[in-house]
Structures are given as structure tokens and as C-alpha cells.
Amino acid sequence: MNNHKYDVLIIGSGAAGLSLALRLPQSLRIGLIAKGPLKEGNTYYAQGGISAVLDETDTLSSHVNDTLDAGAGICHEPIVRMVVEKGPENIRWLLEEGVSFTRDRPAGSGYHLTREGGHSHRRVIHAADATGRELETTLETQVQNRANIEVFEHHNAIDLLVGSRNGTSDKGCCGAYVLNRHSGKVETFLARFTVLATG
């Protein structure tokens, strides 16, 4: 059985997994598990956009309220508030990474924001009708340019290494058993930290 060892193992290669890999310090060795080719995950096919407070007429509290209303009482308010508050910062980070969102016309100075269901303001930033494709291809390019990130396409995590399975008395997770679909063999991926970013 092949063994791999990383500081961080990320299971999932969509926007969440790729973003995390890029935001971690480059001093860390990162293994990224993708169930298929990077371009065939759900992120790639997402058409809509990303909601964030980017217009001066909009407010964080309005976005939080809209989200809670649309959530019909099942949203955890502190999490909603945290996600909404981080939205503008995360959009800026995506722009810095090279994501090309649709510009407003005719001025071209700002970004085109749409208003979608459940929103009281125009706050959905997008890349035409292929936001997911733009996110995935841009982040994938950035990941491939990082020497500290190793991507394993066509690999499926089948079980987490926890408790007695990790060979220690520690009850925490220290990696995963992963099926290499190229070879048909199960490989062991060990890591100090294991992150599920599987959607």
C-alpha cells in the first residue's frame, strides 16, 4: 500500500478546497484529493454568482436578514453573520487571485451585480453565466503554480483514519484511506490536519 504524508490533506477540489489550499502558508505540504479531473467538479458547472455586500447602498445587516428569511428558520445565525461579513473580503481575494468577474457597462469601472431570489439588493457578482468555470479554472491554475500543493485527480477518499485506526491512542483524525482509481489500489494519506471540502 502506498503511503503519502502531508501537513494538510484536503479532500475536495471545488472552490472551497482550492481556496483553502491557496490560503494556507506555502511552507506547508498540502495533498489535495479530487474525485475526478479538477474541471469536472460541481463548482465548474455552477452558473450563477456569489452573494456579497459590494454596493454602497447595501448593508451587511440587510444581507444577513435576507439570508435568514430565505433560510426559513433553519440557518444558524452566527454562521450566517460570519459568512456575510467575510463576503467582501473573499471577493477581493478572488480578484487578487485573478478571477475575472463581469464588469458594469457602459462605465466599466465597477462590477455588474445582479439581484436574485431572496435578495433585497443587487449583490450577486458573477462571471457572465459561467461563474463556476471562471472560479475553478483560475484557482486551478494558481494551485498548479504552487510547489507545495500536490493534486491527486481520480482519487476517492473512502475512510478517515481516526481513533485506533491511526495506530496511536489519539482519537483524532490523521488522514484517510484513498482509492486511486488509476491503479485500483487503496493508498494511505497521513496528515497533521485533514479537511473535508466535499460540498
N, C-alpha and C. Protein backbone atom coordinates (compact mmCIF):
# COMPACT_ATOMS: atom_id res chain seq x y z
N MET A 1 0.85 -1.18 0.00
CA MET A 1 0.00 0.00 0.00
C MET A 1 0.89 1.24 0.00
N ASN A 2 0.63 2.17 -0.92
CA ASN A 2 1.39 3.42 -0.97
C ASN A 2 1.00 4.33 0.19
N ASN A 3 2.00 4.97 0.77
CA ASN A 3 1.76 5.93 1.84
C ASN A 3 2.20 7.32 1.40
N HIS A 4 1.38 8.30 1.72
CA HIS A 4 1.68 9.70 1.44
C HIS A 4 1.60 10.44 2.76
N LYS A 5 2.43 11.46 2.93
CA LYS A 5 2.40 12.22 4.18
C LYS A 5 2.43 13.72 3.88
N TYR A 6 1.48 14.43 4.49
CA TYR A 6 1.35 15.88 4.28
C TYR A 6 1.11 16.58 5.60
N ASP A 7 1.32 17.88 5.59
CA ASP A 7 0.92 18.68 6.74
C ASP A 7 -0.60 18.80 6.77
N VAL A 8 -1.18 19.02 5.57
CA VAL A 8 -2.64 19.19 5.45
C VAL A 8 -3.12 18.33 4.28
N LEU A 9 -4.17 17.55 4.52
CA LEU A 9 -4.84 16.79 3.48
C LEU A 9 -6.21 17.43 3.27
N ILE A 10 -6.48 17.86 2.03
CA ILE A 10 -7.77 18.46 1.69
C ILE A 10 -8.51 17.49 0.79
N ILE A 11 -9.67 17.05 1.23
CA ILE A 11 -10.49 16.14 0.45
C ILE A 11 -11.59 16.98 -0.20
N GLY A 12 -11.48 17.17 -1.51
CA GLY A 12 -12.42 18.02 -2.24
C GLY A 12 -11.66 19.07 -3.02
N SER A 13 -12.03 19.23 -4.29
CA SER A 13 -11.26 20.10 -5.17
C SER A 13 -12.10 21.17 -5.85
N GLY A 14 -13.22 21.52 -5.22
CA GLY A 14 -14.02 22.63 -5.74
C GLY A 14 -13.48 23.95 -5.22
N ALA A 15 -14.30 24.97 -5.28
CA ALA A 15 -13.86 26.31 -4.86
C ALA A 15 -13.38 26.32 -3.42
N ALA A 16 -14.05 25.59 -2.53
CA ALA A 16 -13.65 25.58 -1.11
C ALA A 16 -12.29 24.93 -0.93
N GLY A 17 -12.10 23.75 -1.51
CA GLY A 17 -10.83 23.04 -1.35
C GLY A 17 -9.66 23.78 -1.98
N LEU A 18 -9.86 24.30 -3.19
CA LEU A 18 -8.79 25.04 -3.87
C LEU A 18 -8.46 26.33 -3.13
N SER A 19 -9.49 27.04 -2.67
CA SER A 19 -9.26 28.29 -1.93
C SER A 19 -8.48 28.04 -0.66
N LEU A 20 -8.85 26.99 0.07
CA LEU A 20 -8.12 26.68 1.29
C LEU A 20 -6.66 26.37 0.98
N ALA A 21 -6.42 25.54 -0.02
CA ALA A 21 -5.05 25.19 -0.39
C ALA A 21 -4.22 26.43 -0.70
N LEU A 22 -4.82 27.39 -1.38
CA LEU A 22 -4.10 28.62 -1.76
C LEU A 22 -3.90 29.57 -0.59
N ARG A 23 -4.78 29.51 0.39
CA ARG A 23 -4.68 30.44 1.53
C ARG A 23 -3.76 29.93 2.64
N LEU A 24 -3.45 28.67 2.63
CA LEU A 24 -2.54 28.13 3.65
C LEU A 24 -1.11 28.57 3.36
N PRO A 25 -0.27 28.66 4.39
CA PRO A 25 1.12 29.08 4.18
C PRO A 25 1.84 28.14 3.21
N GLN A 26 2.67 28.72 2.35
CA GLN A 26 3.38 27.92 1.36
C GLN A 26 4.46 27.04 2.00
N SER A 27 4.70 27.21 3.28
CA SER A 27 5.66 26.35 3.98
C SER A 27 5.05 24.99 4.31
N LEU A 28 3.74 24.85 4.16
CA LEU A 28 3.06 23.58 4.46
C LEU A 28 2.98 22.72 3.20
N ARG A 29 3.18 21.41 3.38
CA ARG A 29 2.97 20.45 2.29
C ARG A 29 1.50 20.07 2.30
N ILE A 30 0.85 20.22 1.14
CA ILE A 30 -0.59 20.01 1.05
C ILE A 30 -0.89 18.95 0.01
N GLY A 31 -1.72 17.97 0.38
CA GLY A 31 -2.25 16.99 -0.55
C GLY A 31 -3.71 17.31 -0.81
N LEU A 32 -4.11 17.35 -2.07
CA LEU A 32 -5.48 17.71 -2.46
C LEU A 32 -6.09 16.54 -3.24
N ILE A 33 -7.16 15.99 -2.72
CA ILE A 33 -7.82 14.83 -3.32
C ILE A 33 -8.99 15.30 -4.18
N ALA A 34 -8.99 14.87 -5.46
CA ALA A 34 -10.07 15.20 -6.40
C ALA A 34 -10.67 13.90 -6.92
N LYS A 35 -12.00 13.78 -6.86
CA LYS A 35 -12.64 12.53 -7.27
C LYS A 35 -12.54 12.28 -8.78
N GLY A 36 -12.30 13.32 -9.54
CA GLY A 36 -12.15 13.20 -10.99
C GLY A 36 -11.19 14.28 -11.45
N PRO A 37 -11.26 14.67 -12.72
CA PRO A 37 -10.47 15.82 -13.17
C PRO A 37 -10.95 17.08 -12.44
N LEU A 38 -10.06 18.00 -12.18
CA LEU A 38 -10.45 19.22 -11.47
C LEU A 38 -11.61 19.93 -12.15
N LYS A 39 -11.62 19.92 -13.46
CA LYS A 39 -12.65 20.66 -14.19
C LYS A 39 -14.00 19.94 -14.24
N GLU A 40 -14.15 18.83 -13.56
CA GLU A 40 -15.42 18.12 -13.62
C GLU A 40 -16.16 18.10 -12.29
N GLY A 41 -15.76 18.94 -11.36
CA GLY A 41 -16.49 19.03 -10.10
C GLY A 41 -17.70 19.94 -10.25
N ASN A 42 -18.50 20.00 -9.22
CA ASN A 42 -19.71 20.82 -9.25
C ASN A 42 -19.42 22.30 -9.41
N THR A 43 -18.33 22.79 -8.83
CA THR A 43 -18.01 24.22 -8.95
C THR A 43 -17.92 24.63 -10.41
N TYR A 44 -17.27 23.82 -11.22
CA TYR A 44 -17.05 24.15 -12.63
C TYR A 44 -18.37 24.42 -13.36
N TYR A 45 -19.42 23.71 -12.99
CA TYR A 45 -20.70 23.82 -13.70
C TYR A 45 -21.66 24.83 -13.08
N ALA A 46 -21.28 25.46 -11.99
CA ALA A 46 -22.16 26.46 -11.36
C ALA A 46 -22.26 27.68 -12.26
N GLN A 47 -23.48 28.13 -12.55
CA GLN A 47 -23.67 29.24 -13.47
C GLN A 47 -23.90 30.58 -12.78
N GLY A 48 -24.55 30.59 -11.65
CA GLY A 48 -24.96 31.83 -11.01
C GLY A 48 -23.81 32.71 -10.59
N GLY A 49 -23.83 33.16 -9.37
CA GLY A 49 -22.78 34.04 -8.89
C GLY A 49 -22.58 33.88 -7.40
N ILE A 50 -21.91 34.85 -6.82
CA ILE A 50 -21.59 34.83 -5.39
C ILE A 50 -22.21 36.05 -4.74
N SER A 51 -22.94 35.84 -3.67
CA SER A 51 -23.58 36.96 -2.96
C SER A 51 -22.60 37.59 -1.99
N ALA A 52 -22.49 38.91 -2.07
CA ALA A 52 -21.65 39.67 -1.14
C ALA A 52 -22.08 41.12 -1.18
N VAL A 53 -21.91 41.81 -0.06
CA VAL A 53 -22.25 43.23 0.01
C VAL A 53 -21.10 44.01 -0.63
N LEU A 54 -21.35 44.48 -1.87
CA LEU A 54 -20.32 45.19 -2.62
C LEU A 54 -20.76 46.57 -3.08
N ASP A 55 -22.04 46.88 -2.87
CA ASP A 55 -22.59 48.16 -3.31
C ASP A 55 -22.82 49.04 -2.09
N GLU A 56 -22.54 50.33 -2.23
CA GLU A 56 -22.66 51.25 -1.09
C GLU A 56 -24.09 51.41 -0.58
N THR A 57 -25.08 51.03 -1.38
CA THR A 57 -26.47 51.14 -0.92
C THR A 57 -26.92 49.90 -0.15
N ASP A 58 -26.08 48.88 -0.12
CA ASP A 58 -26.39 47.63 0.56
C ASP A 58 -25.72 47.62 1.94
N THR A 59 -26.20 46.76 2.83
CA THR A 59 -25.60 46.65 4.16
C THR A 59 -25.44 45.18 4.55
N LEU A 60 -24.51 44.94 5.44
CA LEU A 60 -24.31 43.59 5.96
C LEU A 60 -25.56 43.10 6.68
N SER A 61 -26.20 43.97 7.46
CA SER A 61 -27.39 43.55 8.21
C SER A 61 -28.53 43.18 7.26
N SER A 62 -28.66 43.89 6.14
CA SER A 62 -29.68 43.56 5.16
C SER A 62 -29.41 42.17 4.56
N HIS A 63 -28.15 41.91 4.24
CA HIS A 63 -27.79 40.60 3.67
C HIS A 63 -28.05 39.48 4.68
N VAL A 64 -27.68 39.71 5.93
CA VAL A 64 -27.94 38.71 6.98
C VAL A 64 -29.44 38.46 7.08
N ASN A 65 -30.25 39.52 7.14
CA ASN A 65 -31.70 39.36 7.27
C ASN A 65 -32.30 38.62 6.08
N ASP A 66 -31.85 38.97 4.86
CA ASP A 66 -32.34 38.28 3.66
C ASP A 66 -32.02 36.79 3.73
N THR A 67 -30.81 36.47 4.17
CA THR A 67 -30.39 35.07 4.25
C THR A 67 -31.20 34.31 5.29
N LEU A 68 -31.40 34.92 6.44
CA LEU A 68 -32.20 34.26 7.49
C LEU A 68 -33.64 34.07 7.04
N ASP A 69 -34.21 35.07 6.36
CA ASP A 69 -35.59 34.94 5.85
C ASP A 69 -35.68 33.81 4.83
N ALA A 70 -34.74 33.78 3.89
CA ALA A 70 -34.76 32.74 2.86
C ALA A 70 -34.50 31.36 3.45
N GLY A 71 -33.80 31.32 4.58
CA GLY A 71 -33.48 30.05 5.23
C GLY A 71 -34.62 29.44 6.02
N ALA A 72 -35.73 30.15 6.11
CA ALA A 72 -36.95 29.63 6.74
C ALA A 72 -36.72 29.06 8.13
N GLY A 73 -35.85 29.71 8.89
CA GLY A 73 -35.66 29.33 10.28
C GLY A 73 -34.67 28.22 10.55
N ILE A 74 -34.02 27.70 9.53
CA ILE A 74 -33.07 26.61 9.79
C ILE A 74 -31.60 27.06 9.73
N CYS A 75 -31.37 28.34 9.48
CA CYS A 75 -30.00 28.85 9.44
C CYS A 75 -29.49 29.10 10.86
N HIS A 76 -28.21 28.90 11.05
CA HIS A 76 -27.56 29.20 12.33
C HIS A 76 -27.05 30.64 12.22
N GLU A 77 -27.71 31.57 12.90
CA GLU A 77 -27.45 33.00 12.71
C GLU A 77 -25.98 33.40 12.88
N PRO A 78 -25.26 32.92 13.88
CA PRO A 78 -23.85 33.33 13.98
C PRO A 78 -23.02 32.92 12.76
N ILE A 79 -23.32 31.78 12.17
CA ILE A 79 -22.60 31.34 10.97
C ILE A 79 -22.99 32.22 9.79
N VAL A 80 -24.28 32.50 9.63
CA VAL A 80 -24.73 33.39 8.56
C VAL A 80 -24.03 34.74 8.67
N ARG A 81 -24.00 35.30 9.86
CA ARG A 81 -23.37 36.60 10.08
C ARG A 81 -21.88 36.56 9.71
N MET A 82 -21.18 35.50 10.13
CA MET A 82 -19.76 35.38 9.83
C MET A 82 -19.51 35.27 8.32
N VAL A 83 -20.31 34.45 7.64
CA VAL A 83 -20.14 34.28 6.20
C VAL A 83 -20.41 35.59 5.46
N VAL A 84 -21.49 36.27 5.83
CA VAL A 84 -21.83 37.55 5.19
C VAL A 84 -20.75 38.59 5.44
N GLU A 85 -20.25 38.67 6.66
CA GLU A 85 -19.21 39.66 6.98
C GLU A 85 -17.92 39.40 6.22
N LYS A 86 -17.61 38.14 5.95
CA LYS A 86 -16.38 37.79 5.23
C LYS A 86 -16.54 37.89 3.71
N GLY A 87 -17.78 38.04 3.23
CA GLY A 87 -18.04 38.06 1.79
C GLY A 87 -17.22 39.05 1.00
N PRO A 88 -17.25 40.35 1.34
CA PRO A 88 -16.48 41.32 0.56
C PRO A 88 -14.98 41.02 0.55
N GLU A 89 -14.46 40.61 1.68
CA GLU A 89 -13.03 40.27 1.78
C GLU A 89 -12.69 39.08 0.88
N ASN A 90 -13.58 38.10 0.83
CA ASN A 90 -13.34 36.94 -0.01
C ASN A 90 -13.44 37.27 -1.50
N ILE A 91 -14.33 38.16 -1.87
CA ILE A 91 -14.40 38.60 -3.26
C ILE A 91 -13.10 39.32 -3.64
N ARG A 92 -12.61 40.19 -2.76
CA ARG A 92 -11.32 40.87 -3.03
C ARG A 92 -10.21 39.85 -3.22
N TRP A 93 -10.20 38.81 -2.39
CA TRP A 93 -9.16 37.77 -2.52
C TRP A 93 -9.28 37.07 -3.87
N LEU A 94 -10.50 36.73 -4.29
CA LEU A 94 -10.69 36.09 -5.59
C LEU A 94 -10.19 36.98 -6.73
N LEU A 95 -10.46 38.27 -6.63
CA LEU A 95 -9.96 39.21 -7.64
C LEU A 95 -8.44 39.23 -7.66
N GLU A 96 -7.82 39.22 -6.49
CA GLU A 96 -6.35 39.19 -6.41
C GLU A 96 -5.78 37.91 -7.01
N GLU A 97 -6.52 36.82 -6.90
CA GLU A 97 -6.07 35.55 -7.47
C GLU A 97 -6.25 35.51 -8.99
N GLY A 98 -6.99 36.48 -9.54
CA GLY A 98 -7.14 36.57 -10.98
C GLY A 98 -8.52 36.24 -11.52
N VAL A 99 -9.50 36.01 -10.66
CA VAL A 99 -10.86 35.73 -11.14
C VAL A 99 -11.38 36.97 -11.85
N SER A 100 -11.93 36.77 -13.04
CA SER A 100 -12.41 37.88 -13.87
C SER A 100 -13.94 37.92 -13.82
N PHE A 101 -14.47 38.79 -12.96
CA PHE A 101 -15.92 38.95 -12.87
C PHE A 101 -16.39 39.94 -13.93
N THR A 102 -17.67 39.84 -14.31
CA THR A 102 -18.27 40.71 -15.32
C THR A 102 -18.30 42.15 -14.83
N ARG A 103 -17.86 43.05 -15.69
CA ARG A 103 -17.84 44.49 -15.37
C ARG A 103 -19.16 45.13 -15.75
N ASP A 104 -19.46 46.24 -15.06
CA ASP A 104 -20.64 47.04 -15.37
C ASP A 104 -20.43 47.75 -16.69
N ARG A 105 -21.48 47.90 -17.45
CA ARG A 105 -21.40 48.66 -18.70
C ARG A 105 -22.39 49.80 -18.60
N PRO A 106 -22.13 50.93 -19.17
CA PRO A 106 -21.01 51.25 -20.04
C PRO A 106 -19.77 51.73 -19.29
N ALA A 107 -19.92 52.08 -18.04
CA ALA A 107 -18.81 52.69 -17.31
C ALA A 107 -17.59 51.76 -17.23
N GLY A 108 -17.80 50.50 -16.91
CA GLY A 108 -16.69 49.56 -16.83
C GLY A 108 -15.85 49.69 -15.58
N SER A 109 -16.20 50.63 -14.71
CA SER A 109 -15.36 50.84 -13.53
C SER A 109 -15.73 49.91 -12.38
N GLY A 110 -16.99 49.51 -12.32
CA GLY A 110 -17.44 48.64 -11.24
C GLY A 110 -17.78 47.26 -11.78
N TYR A 111 -18.32 46.43 -10.91
CA TYR A 111 -18.71 45.08 -11.31
C TYR A 111 -20.21 45.00 -11.45
N HIS A 112 -20.67 44.20 -12.41
CA HIS A 112 -22.09 44.02 -12.64
C HIS A 112 -22.65 43.14 -11.53
N LEU A 113 -23.58 43.67 -10.77
CA LEU A 113 -24.21 42.94 -9.68
C LEU A 113 -25.66 42.67 -10.05
N THR A 114 -26.11 41.44 -9.83
CA THR A 114 -27.50 41.10 -10.11
C THR A 114 -28.25 40.91 -8.80
N ARG A 115 -29.56 40.95 -8.92
CA ARG A 115 -30.43 40.69 -7.76
C ARG A 115 -31.15 39.38 -8.05
N GLU A 116 -30.95 38.42 -7.19
CA GLU A 116 -31.58 37.12 -7.37
C GLU A 116 -32.57 36.85 -6.25
N GLY A 117 -33.29 35.77 -6.36
CA GLY A 117 -34.33 35.41 -5.41
C GLY A 117 -33.86 35.48 -3.96
N GLY A 118 -34.69 36.09 -3.12
CA GLY A 118 -34.39 36.19 -1.70
C GLY A 118 -33.55 37.38 -1.32
N HIS A 119 -33.02 38.10 -2.30
CA HIS A 119 -32.17 39.26 -2.00
C HIS A 119 -32.95 40.56 -2.19
N SER A 120 -32.74 41.50 -1.30
CA SER A 120 -33.40 42.80 -1.39
C SER A 120 -32.54 43.82 -2.12
N HIS A 121 -31.30 43.46 -2.43
CA HIS A 121 -30.37 44.36 -3.13
C HIS A 121 -29.65 43.59 -4.24
N ARG A 122 -29.05 44.35 -5.14
CA ARG A 122 -28.20 43.76 -6.17
C ARG A 122 -26.86 43.44 -5.50
N ARG A 123 -26.59 42.16 -5.27
CA ARG A 123 -25.36 41.79 -4.55
C ARG A 123 -24.73 40.50 -5.07
N VAL A 124 -25.19 40.03 -6.21
CA VAL A 124 -24.63 38.79 -6.76
C VAL A 124 -23.62 39.15 -7.85
N ILE A 125 -22.35 38.95 -7.54
CA ILE A 125 -21.27 39.20 -8.50
C ILE A 125 -21.08 37.91 -9.31
N HIS A 126 -20.80 38.05 -10.60
CA HIS A 126 -20.76 36.87 -11.46
C HIS A 126 -19.75 37.06 -12.59
N ALA A 127 -19.45 35.96 -13.27
CA ALA A 127 -18.63 35.98 -14.48
C ALA A 127 -19.53 35.49 -15.60
N ALA A 128 -20.22 36.44 -16.22
CA ALA A 128 -21.26 36.14 -17.22
C ALA A 128 -22.18 35.06 -16.63
N ASP A 129 -22.42 33.99 -17.40
CA ASP A 129 -23.25 32.89 -16.89
C ASP A 129 -22.40 31.65 -16.60
N ALA A 130 -21.11 31.87 -16.34
CA ALA A 130 -20.20 30.74 -16.10
C ALA A 130 -19.27 31.06 -14.93
N THR A 131 -19.85 31.52 -13.84
CA THR A 131 -19.05 31.91 -12.67
C THR A 131 -18.24 30.73 -12.14
N GLY A 132 -18.85 29.58 -12.05
CA GLY A 132 -18.14 28.41 -11.53
C GLY A 132 -16.94 28.04 -12.38
N ARG A 133 -17.12 28.07 -13.69
CA ARG A 133 -16.00 27.75 -14.59
C ARG A 133 -14.86 28.73 -14.39
N GLU A 134 -15.18 30.02 -14.28
CA GLU A 134 -14.15 31.05 -14.07
C GLU A 134 -13.42 30.83 -12.75
N LEU A 135 -14.18 30.56 -11.69
CA LEU A 135 -13.56 30.30 -10.38
C LEU A 135 -12.65 29.08 -10.44
N GLU A 136 -13.19 27.98 -10.93
CA GLU A 136 -12.45 26.71 -10.92
C GLU A 136 -11.18 26.79 -11.76
N THR A 137 -11.27 27.34 -12.97
CA THR A 137 -10.08 27.37 -13.83
C THR A 137 -9.03 28.33 -13.28
N THR A 138 -9.46 29.46 -12.74
CA THR A 138 -8.49 30.41 -12.18
C THR A 138 -7.80 29.82 -10.95
N LEU A 139 -8.58 29.28 -10.03
CA LEU A 139 -7.99 28.71 -8.82
C LEU A 139 -7.15 27.48 -9.13
N GLU A 140 -7.58 26.68 -10.10
CA GLU A 140 -6.80 25.51 -10.51
C GLU A 140 -5.43 25.94 -11.04
N THR A 141 -5.39 26.97 -11.86
CA THR A 141 -4.11 27.47 -12.38
C THR A 141 -3.20 27.91 -11.25
N GLN A 142 -3.76 28.62 -10.28
CA GLN A 142 -2.96 29.08 -9.13
C GLN A 142 -2.43 27.89 -8.33
N VAL A 143 -3.27 26.87 -8.12
CA VAL A 143 -2.84 25.68 -7.38
C VAL A 143 -1.70 24.98 -8.11
N GLN A 144 -1.82 24.85 -9.42
CA GLN A 144 -0.78 24.17 -10.19
C GLN A 144 0.55 24.93 -10.19
N ASN A 145 0.51 26.21 -9.88
CA ASN A 145 1.73 27.01 -9.80
C ASN A 145 2.39 26.97 -8.43
N ARG A 146 1.81 26.25 -7.49
CA ARG A 146 2.35 26.17 -6.13
C ARG A 146 3.06 24.83 -5.94
N ALA A 147 4.34 24.90 -5.67
CA ALA A 147 5.15 23.69 -5.50
C ALA A 147 4.75 22.90 -4.25
N ASN A 148 4.14 23.55 -3.28
CA ASN A 148 3.81 22.87 -2.03
C ASN A 148 2.47 22.13 -2.07
N ILE A 149 1.74 22.23 -3.19
CA ILE A 149 0.43 21.58 -3.31
C ILE A 149 0.52 20.46 -4.34
N GLU A 150 0.17 19.25 -3.91
CA GLU A 150 0.16 18.10 -4.82
C GLU A 150 -1.29 17.66 -5.01
N VAL A 151 -1.73 17.62 -6.27
CA VAL A 151 -3.12 17.28 -6.59
C VAL A 151 -3.19 15.82 -7.04
N PHE A 152 -4.17 15.10 -6.52
CA PHE A 152 -4.40 13.70 -6.88
C PHE A 152 -5.78 13.60 -7.52
N GLU A 153 -5.81 13.66 -8.86
CA GLU A 153 -7.08 13.51 -9.57
C GLU A 153 -7.45 12.03 -9.65
N HIS A 154 -8.74 11.76 -9.79
CA HIS A 154 -9.27 10.40 -9.88
C HIS A 154 -8.93 9.59 -8.62
N HIS A 155 -9.05 10.23 -7.49
CA HIS A 155 -8.83 9.59 -6.19
C HIS A 155 -10.07 9.83 -5.32
N ASN A 156 -10.53 8.79 -4.64
CA ASN A 156 -11.71 8.91 -3.78
C ASN A 156 -11.35 8.55 -2.34
N ALA A 157 -11.62 9.47 -1.43
CA ALA A 157 -11.45 9.15 -0.01
C ALA A 157 -12.54 8.15 0.36
N ILE A 158 -12.14 7.03 0.96
CA ILE A 158 -13.13 6.01 1.31
C ILE A 158 -13.30 5.85 2.81
N ASP A 159 -12.34 6.33 3.59
CA ASP A 159 -12.47 6.24 5.04
C ASP A 159 -11.45 7.16 5.69
N LEU A 160 -11.87 7.81 6.76
CA LEU A 160 -10.94 8.65 7.52
C LEU A 160 -10.15 7.79 8.50
N LEU A 161 -8.91 8.16 8.74
CA LEU A 161 -8.08 7.47 9.72
C LEU A 161 -8.30 8.14 11.07
N VAL A 162 -9.08 7.50 11.91
CA VAL A 162 -9.40 8.06 13.22
C VAL A 162 -9.26 6.98 14.29
N GLY A 163 -9.11 7.43 15.53
CA GLY A 163 -9.07 6.51 16.67
C GLY A 163 -8.01 5.46 16.53
N SER A 164 -8.37 4.23 16.80
CA SER A 164 -7.39 3.14 16.80
C SER A 164 -6.85 2.83 15.41
N ARG A 165 -7.52 3.26 14.37
CA ARG A 165 -7.05 3.00 13.01
C ARG A 165 -5.77 3.76 12.68
N ASN A 166 -5.49 4.83 13.43
CA ASN A 166 -4.31 5.61 13.09
C ASN A 166 -3.06 5.10 13.80
N GLY A 167 -3.18 3.99 14.52
CA GLY A 167 -2.01 3.38 15.14
C GLY A 167 -1.53 4.04 16.41
N THR A 168 -2.30 4.98 16.94
CA THR A 168 -1.94 5.65 18.19
C THR A 168 -3.14 5.63 19.12
N SER A 169 -2.94 6.12 20.32
CA SER A 169 -4.07 6.22 21.26
C SER A 169 -4.88 7.49 21.02
N ASP A 170 -4.39 8.35 20.13
CA ASP A 170 -5.09 9.59 19.80
C ASP A 170 -6.40 9.27 19.11
N LYS A 171 -7.47 9.91 19.51
CA LYS A 171 -8.79 9.66 18.92
C LYS A 171 -9.07 10.57 17.72
N GLY A 172 -8.16 11.48 17.41
CA GLY A 172 -8.37 12.43 16.32
C GLY A 172 -8.15 11.80 14.95
N CYS A 173 -8.37 12.59 13.94
CA CYS A 173 -8.19 12.17 12.55
C CYS A 173 -6.77 12.51 12.11
N CYS A 174 -6.13 11.57 11.44
CA CYS A 174 -4.76 11.82 10.96
C CYS A 174 -4.62 11.48 9.49
N GLY A 175 -5.70 11.55 8.72
CA GLY A 175 -5.62 11.29 7.30
C GLY A 175 -6.79 10.47 6.80
N ALA A 176 -6.54 9.76 5.68
CA ALA A 176 -7.62 8.99 5.06
C ALA A 176 -7.06 7.85 4.23
N TYR A 177 -7.89 6.81 4.08
CA TYR A 177 -7.64 5.79 3.07
C TYR A 177 -8.27 6.32 1.79
N VAL A 178 -7.51 6.25 0.70
CA VAL A 178 -7.95 6.85 -0.55
C VAL A 178 -7.81 5.83 -1.68
N LEU A 179 -8.87 5.65 -2.46
CA LEU A 179 -8.83 4.76 -3.61
C LEU A 179 -8.24 5.51 -4.80
N ASN A 180 -7.12 5.00 -5.31
CA ASN A 180 -6.51 5.53 -6.53
C ASN A 180 -7.23 4.84 -7.68
N ARG A 181 -8.07 5.57 -8.39
CA ARG A 181 -8.87 4.96 -9.45
C ARG A 181 -8.05 4.63 -10.68
N HIS A 182 -6.83 5.15 -10.79
CA HIS A 182 -5.94 4.77 -11.89
C HIS A 182 -5.43 3.34 -11.68
N SER A 183 -4.99 3.04 -10.46
CA SER A 183 -4.40 1.73 -10.17
C SER A 183 -5.40 0.75 -9.57
N GLY A 184 -6.51 1.25 -9.02
CA GLY A 184 -7.47 0.39 -8.35
C GLY A 184 -7.03 0.01 -6.94
N LYS A 185 -5.97 0.64 -6.44
CA LYS A 185 -5.43 0.32 -5.11
C LYS A 185 -5.78 1.40 -4.10
N VAL A 186 -5.88 0.97 -2.85
CA VAL A 186 -6.12 1.90 -1.74
C VAL A 186 -4.78 2.38 -1.23
N GLU A 187 -4.66 3.69 -1.06
CA GLU A 187 -3.43 4.31 -0.57
C GLU A 187 -3.73 5.02 0.74
N THR A 188 -2.71 5.14 1.58
CA THR A 188 -2.85 5.81 2.87
C THR A 188 -2.30 7.22 2.76
N PHE A 189 -3.12 8.19 3.11
CA PHE A 189 -2.71 9.59 3.14
C PHE A 189 -2.71 10.04 4.60
N LEU A 190 -1.53 10.31 5.13
CA LEU A 190 -1.39 10.77 6.51
C LEU A 190 -1.22 12.28 6.52
N ALA A 191 -1.79 12.93 7.53
CA ALA A 191 -1.68 14.39 7.62
C ALA A 191 -1.89 14.84 9.05
N ARG A 192 -1.24 15.94 9.39
CA ARG A 192 -1.47 16.55 10.71
C ARG A 192 -2.89 17.08 10.80
N PHE A 193 -3.39 17.60 9.67
CA PHE A 193 -4.75 18.14 9.61
C PHE A 193 -5.43 17.58 8.37
N THR A 194 -6.69 17.16 8.52
CA THR A 194 -7.49 16.66 7.41
C THR A 194 -8.74 17.52 7.31
N VAL A 195 -9.01 18.02 6.11
CA VAL A 195 -10.15 18.91 5.89
C VAL A 195 -11.09 18.29 4.87
N LEU A 196 -12.38 18.22 5.21
CA LEU A 196 -13.40 17.78 4.26
C LEU A 196 -13.96 19.02 3.57
N ALA A 197 -13.73 19.13 2.28
CA ALA A 197 -14.25 20.25 1.48
C ALA A 197 -15.00 19.65 0.30
N THR A 198 -15.96 18.80 0.61
CA THR A 198 -16.62 17.99 -0.41
C THR A 198 -18.00 18.49 -0.80
N GLY A 199 -18.35 19.69 -0.39
CA GLY A 199 -19.63 20.27 -0.78
C GLY A 199 -20.79 19.83 0.06
